[in-house]
């Protein structure tokens, strides 16, 4: 138990040391595991942001199995989600600035037997660790909220 806590602590400390590359960085990830983590992440956002009146804007492409499931869970929960679109032209029209949603990004990575999911919502970061257990994946602690 102490070894797991030490690993979790090191993961969270080291997470701020590297350049942020959003997306899914798990090499051999399981779509079943991603589905569970996506559902959990969407439920966590439900605790902090009211559906039907919240619009999220993805800050990166969410085309991996976690991202697709995450966006689907958000939409089925009542959120509007603007998917990321790389534009060739700089935005010069300011009419849409009043309708801007809340910036949303994620990082999913792993280290040995621990997965780490970090959600960046505007300036806030929500992070949770997960451990695979046979065919399931289980939370390895509570959500941490960093501002």
Protein backbone atom coordinates (compact mmCIF):
# COMPACT_ATOMS: atom_id res chain seq x y z
CA UNK A 1 0.00 0.00 0.00
CA UNK A 2 2.82 2.40 0.86
CA UNK A 3 4.57 1.65 -2.44
CA UNK A 4 1.38 2.48 -4.37
CA UNK A 5 0.97 5.78 -2.51
CA UNK A 6 4.59 6.69 -3.22
CA UNK A 7 4.11 5.95 -6.92
CA UNK A 8 0.90 8.02 -7.00
CA UNK A 9 2.66 10.91 -5.27
CA UNK A 10 5.54 10.80 -7.75
CA UNK A 11 3.14 10.67 -10.70
CA UNK A 12 1.33 13.79 -9.54
CA UNK A 13 4.55 15.69 -8.80
CA UNK A 14 6.15 14.76 -12.11
CA UNK A 15 3.02 15.55 -14.08
CA UNK A 16 3.85 19.26 -13.98
CA UNK A 17 7.46 18.81 -15.11
CA UNK A 18 6.90 17.91 -18.74
CA UNK A 19 5.45 19.80 -21.65
CA UNK A 20 1.73 19.18 -21.78
CA UNK A 21 0.73 16.83 -24.56
CA UNK A 22 -3.00 16.30 -24.29
CA UNK A 23 -4.66 13.05 -25.29
CA UNK A 24 -4.32 9.34 -24.61
CA UNK A 25 -0.72 8.18 -24.15
CA UNK A 26 -1.42 4.60 -23.05
CA UNK A 27 0.25 2.21 -25.49
CA UNK A 28 -1.92 -0.93 -25.21
CA UNK A 29 -5.07 0.49 -23.74
CA UNK A 30 -8.33 -1.36 -23.37
CA UNK A 31 -11.52 0.14 -24.74
CA UNK A 32 -13.39 -1.45 -21.80
CA UNK A 33 -11.06 0.30 -19.34
CA UNK A 34 -11.36 3.56 -21.28
CA UNK A 35 -15.14 3.30 -21.18
CA UNK A 36 -15.12 2.95 -17.36
CA UNK A 37 -12.71 5.87 -16.90
CA UNK A 38 -14.67 8.05 -19.37
CA UNK A 39 -17.91 7.38 -17.52
CA UNK A 40 -16.24 8.21 -14.20
CA UNK A 41 -14.73 11.43 -15.59
CA UNK A 42 -18.07 12.58 -17.02
CA UNK A 43 -19.75 11.85 -13.69
CA UNK A 44 -17.08 13.90 -11.89
CA UNK A 45 -17.76 16.89 -14.15
CA UNK A 46 -21.46 16.48 -13.42
CA UNK A 47 -20.65 17.14 -9.76
CA UNK A 48 -19.10 20.54 -10.58
CA UNK A 49 -20.81 21.82 -13.73
CA UNK A 50 -24.58 21.84 -14.36
CA UNK A 51 -25.63 19.99 -17.53
CA UNK A 52 -27.95 21.67 -20.05
CA UNK A 53 -26.37 25.04 -19.24
CA UNK A 54 -22.70 24.11 -19.68
CA UNK A 55 -20.83 23.97 -22.96
CA UNK A 56 -17.39 22.37 -23.12
CA UNK A 57 -14.85 23.11 -25.85
CA UNK A 58 -12.30 20.37 -26.43
CA UNK A 59 -8.79 21.80 -26.68
CA UNK A 60 -7.44 18.86 -28.68
CA UNK A 61 -8.69 16.06 -30.90
CA UNK A 62 -10.49 13.35 -28.91
CA UNK A 63 -10.34 10.56 -31.48
CA UNK A 64 -8.94 7.75 -29.32
CA UNK A 65 -11.25 5.25 -27.61
CA UNK A 66 -11.17 7.16 -24.31
CA UNK A 67 -11.89 10.51 -25.99
CA UNK A 68 -14.76 9.17 -28.08
CA UNK A 69 -16.39 7.55 -25.03
CA UNK A 70 -15.76 10.66 -22.89
CA UNK A 71 -17.43 13.02 -25.39
CA UNK A 72 -20.33 10.57 -25.77
CA UNK A 73 -20.86 10.37 -21.98
CA UNK A 74 -20.73 14.16 -21.69
CA UNK A 75 -23.34 14.59 -24.41
CA UNK A 76 -25.61 11.88 -23.01
CA UNK A 77 -25.33 13.64 -19.63
CA UNK A 78 -26.76 16.83 -21.12
CA UNK A 79 -23.62 18.79 -21.97
CA UNK A 80 -22.95 20.57 -25.23
CA UNK A 81 -19.47 19.63 -26.48
CA UNK A 82 -17.64 21.54 -29.21
CA UNK A 83 -15.08 19.16 -30.67
CA UNK A 84 -11.62 20.42 -31.55
CA UNK A 85 -11.13 21.70 -35.08
CA UNK A 86 -7.75 22.82 -36.32
CA UNK A 87 -8.36 25.94 -38.39
CA UNK A 88 -6.14 27.00 -41.26
CA UNK A 89 -7.08 30.62 -40.71
CA UNK A 90 -6.75 32.75 -37.60
CA UNK A 91 -10.06 33.73 -36.07
CA UNK A 92 -10.78 37.35 -36.92
CA UNK A 93 -14.52 37.29 -36.19
CA UNK A 94 -15.23 38.19 -32.55
CA UNK A 95 -18.97 37.54 -32.65
CA UNK A 96 -18.54 34.06 -31.14
CA UNK A 97 -16.53 35.12 -28.07
CA UNK A 98 -19.71 35.58 -26.00
CA UNK A 99 -20.76 31.98 -26.73
CA UNK A 100 -17.42 30.43 -25.83
CA UNK A 101 -17.60 27.33 -23.71
CA UNK A 102 -15.43 26.03 -20.93
CA UNK A 103 -12.03 24.80 -22.14
CA UNK A 104 -11.67 21.04 -21.59
CA UNK A 105 -8.69 18.76 -22.19
CA UNK A 106 -7.46 15.42 -20.86
CA UNK A 107 -4.27 13.47 -20.42
CA UNK A 108 -4.45 9.71 -19.98
CA UNK A 109 -1.15 7.98 -19.34
CA UNK A 110 0.27 5.04 -17.44
CA UNK A 111 3.27 3.97 -15.46
CA UNK A 112 3.72 0.27 -14.67
CA UNK A 113 0.39 -0.77 -13.10
CA UNK A 114 -1.18 2.67 -12.60
CA UNK A 115 -3.20 4.75 -15.03
CA UNK A 116 -3.47 8.50 -14.46
CA UNK A 117 -6.32 10.57 -15.86
CA UNK A 118 -6.03 14.36 -15.66
CA UNK A 119 -8.82 16.65 -16.80
CA UNK A 120 -8.02 20.30 -17.38
CA UNK A 121 -11.16 22.41 -17.09
CA UNK A 122 -10.35 26.08 -17.77
CA UNK A 123 -7.55 26.75 -15.24
CA UNK A 124 -8.42 23.82 -12.97
CA UNK A 125 -7.04 20.31 -13.01
CA UNK A 126 -8.85 17.20 -11.79
CA UNK A 127 -6.73 14.05 -11.49
CA UNK A 128 -7.43 10.46 -10.53
CA UNK A 129 -5.38 7.29 -10.59
CA UNK A 130 -6.71 3.86 -11.60
CA UNK A 131 -5.33 0.36 -11.25
CA UNK A 132 -6.17 -2.55 -13.55
CA UNK A 133 -7.48 -5.62 -11.75
CA UNK A 134 -7.83 -8.65 -14.03
CA UNK A 135 -10.43 -7.56 -16.62
CA UNK A 136 -11.57 -4.49 -14.66
CA UNK A 137 -10.09 -1.12 -13.81
CA UNK A 138 -10.62 0.39 -10.39
CA UNK A 139 -10.05 3.86 -8.93
CA UNK A 140 -6.88 3.99 -6.83
CA UNK A 141 -8.00 6.97 -4.79
CA UNK A 142 -10.21 10.03 -4.86
CA UNK A 143 -10.28 12.77 -7.44
CA UNK A 144 -7.72 15.46 -6.70
CA UNK A 145 -8.60 19.04 -7.55
CA UNK A 146 -5.76 21.45 -8.25
CA UNK A 147 -6.22 25.12 -9.09
